Amino acid sequence: MQVTRGEDEVLAYLRENVEEPERITAETVRWSGEDLATFAHRLETISGSDSWGYGLDNANGRIEVDVPGDAGKARRRISEVVDPCAFTVRGDAAPMRPD
């Protein structure tokens, strides 16, 4: 499993809660600026993303996305084009470009 932070805590939790704990590994990843720029471009190609806001979180090396609605739905759509470890989504945010 790849995580962006909390590797030890995640690994301990998973090993306590799976049938074959010896098969579980975790590594912390941090995306490069070039990777994040590529991911941001991919976000912009998602239909309906023009009302989303996003920014780069340099401390964690991820993209933070604000969406005016269901964060889970947006997370699933983004996961189709961007590694899920590379972004976080916050829902019910004010639209960045209201109609």
N, C-alpha and C. Protein backbone atom coordinates (compact mmCIF):
# COMPACT_ATOMS: atom_id res chain seq x y z
N MET A 1 0.84 -1.16 0.00
CA MET A 1 0.00 0.00 0.00
C MET A 1 0.89 1.23 0.00
N GLN A 2 0.48 2.22 -0.75
CA GLN A 2 1.18 3.49 -0.74
C GLN A 2 0.35 4.51 0.02
N VAL A 3 1.01 5.23 0.91
CA VAL A 3 0.34 6.27 1.69
C VAL A 3 1.16 7.55 1.58
N THR A 4 0.52 8.67 1.83
CA THR A 4 1.24 9.94 1.77
C THR A 4 1.74 10.38 3.13
N ARG A 5 1.24 9.74 4.17
CA ARG A 5 1.72 10.03 5.52
C ARG A 5 1.20 8.94 6.46
N GLY A 6 1.79 8.85 7.65
CA GLY A 6 1.32 7.90 8.65
C GLY A 6 1.57 6.45 8.33
N GLU A 7 2.69 6.17 7.65
CA GLU A 7 2.99 4.81 7.22
C GLU A 7 2.94 3.81 8.38
N ASP A 8 3.60 4.12 9.49
CA ASP A 8 3.66 3.18 10.62
C ASP A 8 2.28 2.90 11.20
N GLU A 9 1.47 3.93 11.36
CA GLU A 9 0.13 3.76 11.92
C GLU A 9 -0.76 2.94 10.98
N VAL A 10 -0.69 3.23 9.70
CA VAL A 10 -1.50 2.50 8.72
C VAL A 10 -1.08 1.04 8.69
N LEU A 11 0.21 0.80 8.66
CA LEU A 11 0.72 -0.57 8.61
C LEU A 11 0.29 -1.35 9.85
N ALA A 12 0.42 -0.75 11.02
CA ALA A 12 0.02 -1.43 12.26
C ALA A 12 -1.47 -1.76 12.24
N TYR A 13 -2.28 -0.80 11.82
CA TYR A 13 -3.73 -1.02 11.77
C TYR A 13 -4.07 -2.16 10.81
N LEU A 14 -3.50 -2.13 9.62
CA LEU A 14 -3.80 -3.16 8.63
C LEU A 14 -3.36 -4.54 9.11
N ARG A 15 -2.19 -4.61 9.68
CA ARG A 15 -1.68 -5.91 10.13
C ARG A 15 -2.53 -6.49 11.26
N GLU A 16 -3.18 -5.65 12.02
CA GLU A 16 -4.07 -6.14 13.08
C GLU A 16 -5.42 -6.60 12.53
N ASN A 17 -5.76 -6.18 11.32
CA ASN A 17 -7.11 -6.41 10.81
C ASN A 17 -7.21 -7.22 9.53
N VAL A 18 -6.15 -7.90 9.14
CA VAL A 18 -6.20 -8.75 7.94
C VAL A 18 -5.81 -10.17 8.30
N GLU A 19 -6.20 -11.10 7.44
CA GLU A 19 -5.92 -12.51 7.70
C GLU A 19 -4.45 -12.86 7.52
N GLU A 20 -3.77 -12.24 6.59
CA GLU A 20 -2.36 -12.55 6.33
C GLU A 20 -1.51 -11.30 6.53
N PRO A 21 -1.27 -10.89 7.77
CA PRO A 21 -0.57 -9.63 8.03
C PRO A 21 0.85 -9.57 7.48
N GLU A 22 1.48 -10.71 7.33
CA GLU A 22 2.85 -10.71 6.80
C GLU A 22 2.92 -10.30 5.34
N ARG A 23 1.80 -10.30 4.66
CA ARG A 23 1.77 -9.92 3.24
C ARG A 23 1.58 -8.42 3.05
N ILE A 24 1.28 -7.70 4.11
CA ILE A 24 1.00 -6.27 4.03
C ILE A 24 2.30 -5.47 4.14
N THR A 25 2.48 -4.55 3.21
CA THR A 25 3.60 -3.60 3.27
C THR A 25 3.05 -2.21 2.98
N ALA A 26 3.78 -1.22 3.42
CA ALA A 26 3.38 0.16 3.17
C ALA A 26 4.62 0.98 2.88
N GLU A 27 4.45 1.97 2.03
CA GLU A 27 5.53 2.90 1.75
C GLU A 27 4.95 4.30 1.62
N THR A 28 5.72 5.26 2.07
CA THR A 28 5.30 6.65 1.95
C THR A 28 5.77 7.18 0.60
N VAL A 29 4.87 7.83 -0.10
CA VAL A 29 5.21 8.42 -1.39
C VAL A 29 5.01 9.92 -1.32
N ARG A 30 5.76 10.61 -2.09
CA ARG A 30 5.62 12.06 -2.23
C ARG A 30 5.77 12.34 -3.71
N TRP A 31 4.81 13.01 -4.25
CA TRP A 31 4.79 13.25 -5.69
C TRP A 31 5.66 14.46 -6.03
N SER A 32 6.32 14.39 -7.17
CA SER A 32 7.14 15.51 -7.64
C SER A 32 6.23 16.63 -8.15
N GLY A 33 6.79 17.82 -8.26
CA GLY A 33 6.04 18.94 -8.81
C GLY A 33 5.56 18.65 -10.22
N GLU A 34 6.39 17.96 -11.00
CA GLU A 34 6.02 17.60 -12.37
C GLU A 34 4.83 16.63 -12.36
N ASP A 35 4.88 15.64 -11.47
CA ASP A 35 3.76 14.70 -11.35
C ASP A 35 2.48 15.44 -10.98
N LEU A 36 2.57 16.32 -9.99
CA LEU A 36 1.39 17.05 -9.54
C LEU A 36 0.82 17.93 -10.64
N ALA A 37 1.69 18.54 -11.44
CA ALA A 37 1.22 19.36 -12.56
C ALA A 37 0.48 18.49 -13.58
N THR A 38 1.01 17.30 -13.83
CA THR A 38 0.34 16.37 -14.75
C THR A 38 -1.02 15.97 -14.20
N PHE A 39 -1.06 15.66 -12.91
CA PHE A 39 -2.32 15.28 -12.28
C PHE A 39 -3.33 16.43 -12.34
N ALA A 40 -2.86 17.65 -12.10
CA ALA A 40 -3.74 18.82 -12.15
C ALA A 40 -4.33 18.97 -13.54
N HIS A 41 -3.51 18.77 -14.56
CA HIS A 41 -4.01 18.85 -15.94
C HIS A 41 -5.10 17.80 -16.17
N ARG A 42 -4.88 16.60 -15.66
CA ARG A 42 -5.88 15.54 -15.81
C ARG A 42 -7.18 15.91 -15.11
N LEU A 43 -7.08 16.57 -13.96
CA LEU A 43 -8.29 17.02 -13.25
C LEU A 43 -9.12 17.92 -14.14
N GLU A 44 -8.45 18.81 -14.85
CA GLU A 44 -9.13 19.79 -15.68
C GLU A 44 -9.86 19.16 -16.86
N THR A 45 -9.53 17.92 -17.21
CA THR A 45 -10.18 17.25 -18.33
C THR A 45 -11.45 16.52 -17.91
N ILE A 46 -11.73 16.46 -16.62
CA ILE A 46 -12.92 15.77 -16.12
C ILE A 46 -14.14 16.65 -16.35
N SER A 47 -15.15 16.09 -16.97
CA SER A 47 -16.38 16.83 -17.24
C SER A 47 -16.98 17.34 -15.93
N GLY A 48 -17.31 18.63 -15.88
CA GLY A 48 -17.89 19.23 -14.69
C GLY A 48 -16.88 19.77 -13.70
N SER A 49 -15.60 19.58 -13.98
CA SER A 49 -14.57 20.02 -13.02
C SER A 49 -14.35 21.53 -13.03
N ASP A 50 -15.01 22.24 -13.95
CA ASP A 50 -14.80 23.69 -14.01
C ASP A 50 -15.34 24.42 -12.78
N SER A 51 -16.17 23.76 -11.97
CA SER A 51 -16.65 24.38 -10.73
C SER A 51 -15.83 23.94 -9.51
N TRP A 52 -14.80 23.13 -9.73
CA TRP A 52 -13.95 22.66 -8.65
C TRP A 52 -12.80 23.62 -8.44
N GLY A 53 -12.28 23.64 -7.25
CA GLY A 53 -11.06 24.38 -6.95
C GLY A 53 -10.01 23.40 -6.50
N TYR A 54 -8.76 23.66 -6.83
CA TYR A 54 -7.71 22.77 -6.36
C TYR A 54 -6.42 23.55 -6.16
N GLY A 55 -5.57 22.98 -5.36
CA GLY A 55 -4.27 23.58 -5.11
C GLY A 55 -3.28 22.49 -4.76
N LEU A 56 -2.02 22.83 -4.83
CA LEU A 56 -0.97 21.86 -4.50
C LEU A 56 -0.59 22.01 -3.04
N ASP A 57 -0.56 20.90 -2.34
CA ASP A 57 -0.15 20.87 -0.94
C ASP A 57 1.31 20.46 -0.91
N ASN A 58 2.21 21.43 -0.88
CA ASN A 58 3.64 21.14 -0.93
C ASN A 58 4.13 20.36 0.27
N ALA A 59 3.51 20.55 1.42
CA ALA A 59 3.95 19.84 2.62
C ALA A 59 3.75 18.33 2.48
N ASN A 60 2.64 17.94 1.87
CA ASN A 60 2.33 16.52 1.72
C ASN A 60 2.54 16.01 0.30
N GLY A 61 2.84 16.91 -0.62
CA GLY A 61 3.05 16.49 -2.00
C GLY A 61 1.80 15.91 -2.63
N ARG A 62 0.68 16.56 -2.42
CA ARG A 62 -0.59 16.10 -2.98
C ARG A 62 -1.38 17.28 -3.54
N ILE A 63 -2.43 16.95 -4.26
CA ILE A 63 -3.38 17.95 -4.73
C ILE A 63 -4.58 17.92 -3.79
N GLU A 64 -5.02 19.09 -3.37
CA GLU A 64 -6.22 19.21 -2.55
C GLU A 64 -7.33 19.79 -3.42
N VAL A 65 -8.44 19.07 -3.51
CA VAL A 65 -9.54 19.46 -4.39
C VAL A 65 -10.76 19.79 -3.54
N ASP A 66 -11.38 20.94 -3.83
CA ASP A 66 -12.64 21.33 -3.20
C ASP A 66 -13.74 21.22 -4.25
N VAL A 67 -14.82 20.53 -3.90
CA VAL A 67 -15.92 20.35 -4.84
C VAL A 67 -17.22 20.83 -4.21
N PRO A 68 -18.12 21.43 -5.01
CA PRO A 68 -19.41 21.89 -4.49
C PRO A 68 -20.44 20.77 -4.52
N GLY A 69 -20.26 19.79 -3.68
CA GLY A 69 -21.19 18.66 -3.68
C GLY A 69 -20.57 17.45 -3.01
N ASP A 70 -20.90 16.30 -3.55
CA ASP A 70 -20.52 15.01 -2.98
C ASP A 70 -19.04 14.71 -3.20
N ALA A 71 -18.27 14.70 -2.12
CA ALA A 71 -16.83 14.42 -2.21
C ALA A 71 -16.58 13.00 -2.69
N GLY A 72 -17.40 12.05 -2.26
CA GLY A 72 -17.21 10.65 -2.67
C GLY A 72 -17.34 10.47 -4.17
N LYS A 73 -18.35 11.10 -4.75
CA LYS A 73 -18.56 11.01 -6.20
C LYS A 73 -17.37 11.62 -6.94
N ALA A 74 -16.93 12.78 -6.49
CA ALA A 74 -15.77 13.43 -7.13
C ALA A 74 -14.52 12.57 -6.97
N ARG A 75 -14.32 12.01 -5.79
CA ARG A 75 -13.15 11.17 -5.53
C ARG A 75 -13.11 9.98 -6.50
N ARG A 76 -14.25 9.36 -6.72
CA ARG A 76 -14.31 8.23 -7.66
C ARG A 76 -13.97 8.67 -9.08
N ARG A 77 -14.49 9.82 -9.49
CA ARG A 77 -14.21 10.32 -10.85
C ARG A 77 -12.74 10.68 -11.01
N ILE A 78 -12.18 11.33 -10.00
CA ILE A 78 -10.77 11.72 -10.07
C ILE A 78 -9.88 10.48 -10.07
N SER A 79 -10.25 9.46 -9.30
CA SER A 79 -9.45 8.24 -9.22
C SER A 79 -9.32 7.52 -10.56
N GLU A 80 -10.19 7.83 -11.48
CA GLU A 80 -10.10 7.24 -12.82
C GLU A 80 -8.92 7.78 -13.60
N VAL A 81 -8.44 8.98 -13.25
CA VAL A 81 -7.36 9.60 -14.02
C VAL A 81 -6.14 9.99 -13.19
N VAL A 82 -6.26 9.94 -11.85
CA VAL A 82 -5.17 10.33 -10.96
C VAL A 82 -5.04 9.28 -9.86
N ASP A 83 -3.81 8.92 -9.51
CA ASP A 83 -3.58 7.96 -8.43
C ASP A 83 -4.27 8.46 -7.16
N PRO A 84 -5.08 7.64 -6.50
CA PRO A 84 -5.81 8.07 -5.31
C PRO A 84 -4.92 8.55 -4.16
N CYS A 85 -3.67 8.15 -4.14
CA CYS A 85 -2.75 8.62 -3.09
C CYS A 85 -2.28 10.05 -3.35
N ALA A 86 -2.55 10.57 -4.54
CA ALA A 86 -2.01 11.87 -4.93
C ALA A 86 -2.96 13.03 -4.66
N PHE A 87 -4.15 12.77 -4.11
CA PHE A 87 -5.08 13.87 -3.90
C PHE A 87 -5.99 13.62 -2.71
N THR A 88 -6.55 14.70 -2.20
CA THR A 88 -7.63 14.64 -1.21
C THR A 88 -8.79 15.47 -1.75
N VAL A 89 -9.99 15.15 -1.31
CA VAL A 89 -11.17 15.88 -1.78
C VAL A 89 -11.98 16.34 -0.57
N ARG A 90 -12.41 17.59 -0.62
CA ARG A 90 -13.31 18.13 0.39
C ARG A 90 -14.60 18.53 -0.32
N GLY A 91 -15.71 18.01 0.14
CA GLY A 91 -17.00 18.28 -0.50
C GLY A 91 -17.73 19.46 0.10
N ASP A 92 -18.83 19.81 -0.54
CA ASP A 92 -19.71 20.90 -0.11
C ASP A 92 -18.99 22.24 -0.02
N ALA A 93 -18.01 22.44 -0.85
CA ALA A 93 -17.30 23.73 -0.92
C ALA A 93 -18.06 24.66 -1.87
N ALA A 94 -17.88 25.94 -1.70
CA ALA A 94 -18.50 26.90 -2.62
C ALA A 94 -17.89 26.72 -4.01
N PRO A 95 -18.71 26.78 -5.07
CA PRO A 95 -18.16 26.65 -6.42
C PRO A 95 -17.11 27.71 -6.71
N MET A 96 -16.03 27.31 -7.36
CA MET A 96 -14.96 28.25 -7.69
C MET A 96 -15.38 29.17 -8.83
N ARG A 97 -16.16 28.66 -9.76
CA ARG A 97 -16.61 29.44 -10.90
C ARG A 97 -18.12 29.29 -11.00
N PRO A 98 -18.88 29.98 -10.16
CA PRO A 98 -20.34 29.82 -10.18
C PRO A 98 -20.92 30.26 -11.51
N ASP A 99 -22.04 29.64 -11.86
CA ASP A 99 -22.71 29.97 -13.14
C ASP A 99 -23.30 31.35 -13.10
